[in-house]
Each structure stands twice: as C-alpha cells, then as structure tokens.
Amino acid sequence: MITGSQCRAARALVEISRSMLAKRAGVDLISIERFENITGSLVKREMQDVKRALEELGAVFIPENGAGHGVRLKFSNVTAERIAQLECEGGIVAHDRVP
C-alpha cells in the first residue's frame, strides 16, 4: 500500500491537514499521526481509505521500483495538454488530470 512518509508527503502536496485527512478518510486522527511518525500502523481498510482520500485530492502514489517509494501530484489539464504537445502524442491524457 503506502508508507507513512508517502502519506506525509502526499498531504503536503495536496495541502491538507492531518485533521482534514482524518475526517475525509474516516480514520482516527491519532492513527494517522502515529502512521506518519512511524510509531504505528494502519489496518488495511484504513490505509485504503487514506490512500483513496489523498488520490481524490490529486496525489499519485509511486510504488517501489528499486529506487524507493514516491508520491507526486496529478497534472492539471493545462500541463497535461502541454506535455502531449511537446511529446507530439496528441490525444487525451485524462487518467492523469486533476478536475
């Protein structure tokens, strides 16, 4: 799933507080604090809910690929269109856009 560091980084990228994430994901605030500080863990359902909430806000989680886990923001429509033009691909990159 995701690591505590990824959760903390994703929250920073989408500019949401721990308390807002807890409310949005339906997970206890103390559980999120412990998870991010690596002093606790989340059960599978909680982790899925936290990940889903952050993804809905625009975070993209990058799985372990030999160089470590990561997180980034989805592209805006303008950025995605510009990338498509620069790559001469045209078409729509809809799966990677924030509304």
C-alpha atoms as a PDB file:
ATOM      1  CA  MET A   1       0.000   0.000   0.000  1.00  0.00           C
ATOM      2  CA  ILE A   2       1.615   3.283   1.123  1.00  0.00           C
ATOM      3  CA  THR A   3       4.188   4.249   3.725  1.00  0.00           C
ATOM      4  CA  GLY A   4       3.877   6.829   6.486  1.00  0.00           C
ATOM      5  CA  SER A   5       6.408   9.021   4.671  1.00  0.00           C
ATOM      6  CA  GLN A   6       4.371   8.862   1.471  1.00  0.00           C
ATOM      7  CA  CYS A   7       1.249   9.819   3.417  1.00  0.00           C
ATOM      8  CA  ARG A   8       3.000  12.806   4.982  1.00  0.00           C
ATOM      9  CA  ALA A   9       4.434  13.900   1.605  1.00  0.00           C
ATOM     10  CA  ALA A  10       1.086  13.483  -0.176  1.00  0.00           C
ATOM     11  CA  ARG A  11      -0.648  15.578   2.477  1.00  0.00           C
ATOM     12  CA  ALA A  12       1.908  18.333   1.934  1.00  0.00           C
ATOM     13  CA  LEU A  13       1.486  18.177  -1.846  1.00  0.00           C
ATOM     14  CA  VAL A  14      -2.316  18.406  -1.739  1.00  0.00           C
ATOM     15  CA  GLU A  15      -2.170  20.922   1.120  1.00  0.00           C
ATOM     16  CA  ILE A  16      -4.438  19.187   3.626  1.00  0.00           C
ATOM     17  CA  SER A  17      -4.016  18.935   7.395  1.00  0.00           C
ATOM     18  CA  ARG A  18      -3.970  15.672   9.301  1.00  0.00           C
ATOM     19  CA  SER A  19      -7.316  16.506  10.888  1.00  0.00           C
ATOM     20  CA  MET A  20      -8.918  17.200   7.496  1.00  0.00           C
ATOM     21  CA  LEU A  21      -7.477  13.953   6.104  1.00  0.00           C
ATOM     22  CA  ALA A  22      -8.770  12.039   9.107  1.00  0.00           C
ATOM     23  CA  LYS A  23     -12.242  13.461   8.596  1.00  0.00           C
ATOM     24  CA  ARG A  24     -12.208  12.895   4.834  1.00  0.00           C
ATOM     25  CA  ALA A  25     -10.933   9.312   5.124  1.00  0.00           C
ATOM     26  CA  GLY A  26     -12.981   8.410   8.201  1.00  0.00           C
ATOM     27  CA  VAL A  27      -9.850   7.392  10.117  1.00  0.00           C
ATOM     28  CA  ASP A  28      -8.885   8.389  13.665  1.00  0.00           C
ATOM     29  CA  LEU A  29      -6.531  11.400  13.784  1.00  0.00           C
ATOM     30  CA  ILE A  30      -4.216   9.730  16.319  1.00  0.00           C
ATOM     31  CA  SER A  31      -3.863   6.712  13.997  1.00  0.00           C
ATOM     32  CA  ILE A  32      -2.783   8.964  11.122  1.00  0.00           C
ATOM     33  CA  GLU A  33      -0.300  10.834  13.355  1.00  0.00           C
ATOM     34  CA  ARG A  34       1.271   7.571  14.525  1.00  0.00           C
ATOM     35  CA  PHE A  35       1.360   6.168  10.987  1.00  0.00           C
ATOM     36  CA  GLU A  36       3.116   9.250   9.612  1.00  0.00           C
ATOM     37  CA  ASN A  37       5.587   9.278  12.501  1.00  0.00           C
ATOM     38  CA  ILE A  38       6.288   5.561  12.009  1.00  0.00           C
ATOM     39  CA  THR A  39       5.266   4.771  15.588  1.00  0.00           C
ATOM     40  CA  GLY A  40       2.118   2.942  14.493  1.00  0.00           C
ATOM     41  CA  SER A  41       0.403   1.364  11.530  1.00  0.00           C
ATOM     42  CA  LEU A  42      -2.993   1.402   9.904  1.00  0.00           C
ATOM     43  CA  VAL A  43      -5.178  -1.619   9.261  1.00  0.00           C
ATOM     44  CA  LYS A  44      -5.682  -2.423   5.578  1.00  0.00           C
ATOM     45  CA  ARG A  45      -9.108  -0.732   5.338  1.00  0.00           C
ATOM     46  CA  GLU A  46      -7.828   2.459   6.985  1.00  0.00           C
ATOM     47  CA  MET A  47      -4.818   2.581   4.682  1.00  0.00           C
ATOM     48  CA  GLN A  48      -7.051   2.133   1.634  1.00  0.00           C
ATOM     49  CA  ASP A  49      -9.348   4.924   2.850  1.00  0.00           C
ATOM     50  CA  VAL A  50      -6.421   7.293   3.480  1.00  0.00           C
ATOM     51  CA  LYS A  51      -4.880   6.495   0.087  1.00  0.00           C
ATOM     52  CA  ARG A  52      -8.208   6.975  -1.697  1.00  0.00           C
ATOM     53  CA  ALA A  53      -8.817  10.327   0.007  1.00  0.00           C
ATOM     54  CA  LEU A  54      -5.367  11.609  -0.968  1.00  0.00           C
ATOM     55  CA  GLU A  55      -5.733  10.349  -4.542  1.00  0.00           C
ATOM     56  CA  GLU A  56      -9.087  12.139  -4.861  1.00  0.00           C
ATOM     57  CA  LEU A  57      -7.267  15.346  -3.940  1.00  0.00           C
ATOM     58  CA  GLY A  58      -4.650  14.838  -6.659  1.00  0.00           C
ATOM     59  CA  ALA A  59      -1.869  12.688  -5.162  1.00  0.00           C
ATOM     60  CA  VAL A  60      -0.336   9.902  -7.251  1.00  0.00           C
ATOM     61  CA  PHE A  61       1.500   7.184  -5.326  1.00  0.00           C
ATOM     62  CA  ILE A  62       4.548   5.639  -6.984  1.00  0.00           C
ATOM     63  CA  PRO A  63       5.253   2.050  -5.890  1.00  0.00           C
ATOM     64  CA  GLU A  64       8.679   0.693  -5.018  1.00  0.00           C
ATOM     65  CA  ASN A  65      10.672   0.471  -8.242  1.00  0.00           C
ATOM     66  CA  GLY A  66      14.167  -0.220  -6.999  1.00  0.00           C
ATOM     67  CA  ALA A  67      14.765   3.424  -6.141  1.00  0.00           C
ATOM     68  CA  GLY A  68      12.192   3.697  -3.358  1.00  0.00           C
ATOM     69  CA  HIS A  69       8.554   4.696  -2.962  1.00  0.00           C
ATOM     70  CA  GLY A  70       7.327   8.095  -4.063  1.00  0.00           C
ATOM     71  CA  VAL A  71       4.415  10.460  -4.469  1.00  0.00           C
ATOM     72  CA  ARG A  72       3.657  13.294  -6.875  1.00  0.00           C
ATOM     73  CA  LEU A  73       0.736  15.462  -7.966  1.00  0.00           C
ATOM     74  CA  LYS A  74      -1.504  14.724 -10.919  1.00  0.00           C
ATOM     75  CA  PHE A  75      -1.092  17.079 -13.828  1.00  0.00           C
ATOM     76  CA  SER A  76      -3.535  19.931 -14.376  1.00  0.00           C
ATOM     77  CA  ASN A  77      -5.411  19.955 -17.702  1.00  0.00           C
ATOM     78  CA  VAL A  78      -3.155  22.734 -18.989  1.00  0.00           C
ATOM     79  CA  THR A  79       0.029  20.891 -18.042  1.00  0.00           C
ATOM     80  CA  ALA A  80      -1.200  17.594 -19.498  1.00  0.00           C
ATOM     81  CA  GLU A  81      -2.110  19.261 -22.797  1.00  0.00           C
ATOM     82  CA  ARG A  82       1.286  20.979 -22.964  1.00  0.00           C
ATOM     83  CA  ILE A  83       3.109  17.697 -22.298  1.00  0.00           C
ATOM     84  CA  ALA A  84       1.082  16.000 -25.037  1.00  0.00           C
ATOM     85  CA  GLN A  85       2.033  18.779 -27.467  1.00  0.00           C
ATOM     86  CA  LEU A  86       5.703  18.595 -26.532  1.00  0.00           C
ATOM     87  CA  GLU A  87       5.761  14.821 -26.930  1.00  0.00           C
ATOM     88  CA  CYS A  88       3.899  15.087 -30.272  1.00  0.00           C
ATOM     89  CA  GLU A  89       1.451  12.491 -28.991  1.00  0.00           C
ATOM     90  CA  GLY A  90      -1.753  14.486 -29.155  1.00  0.00           C
ATOM     91  CA  GLY A  91      -4.773  12.793 -27.692  1.00  0.00           C
ATOM     92  CA  ILE A  92      -6.044  12.930 -24.155  1.00  0.00           C
ATOM     93  CA  VAL A  93      -4.124  12.083 -21.003  1.00  0.00           C
ATOM     94  CA  ALA A  94      -7.333  12.116 -18.964  1.00  0.00           C
ATOM     95  CA  HIS A  95      -6.343   9.470 -16.421  1.00  0.00           C
ATOM     96  CA  ASP A  96      -3.658  11.767 -15.039  1.00  0.00           C
ATOM     97  CA  ARG A  97      -5.536  15.048 -14.694  1.00  0.00           C
ATOM     98  CA  VAL A  98      -6.967  16.840 -11.707  1.00  0.00           C
ATOM     99  CA  PRO A  99     -10.501  18.169 -12.293  1.00  0.00           C
END
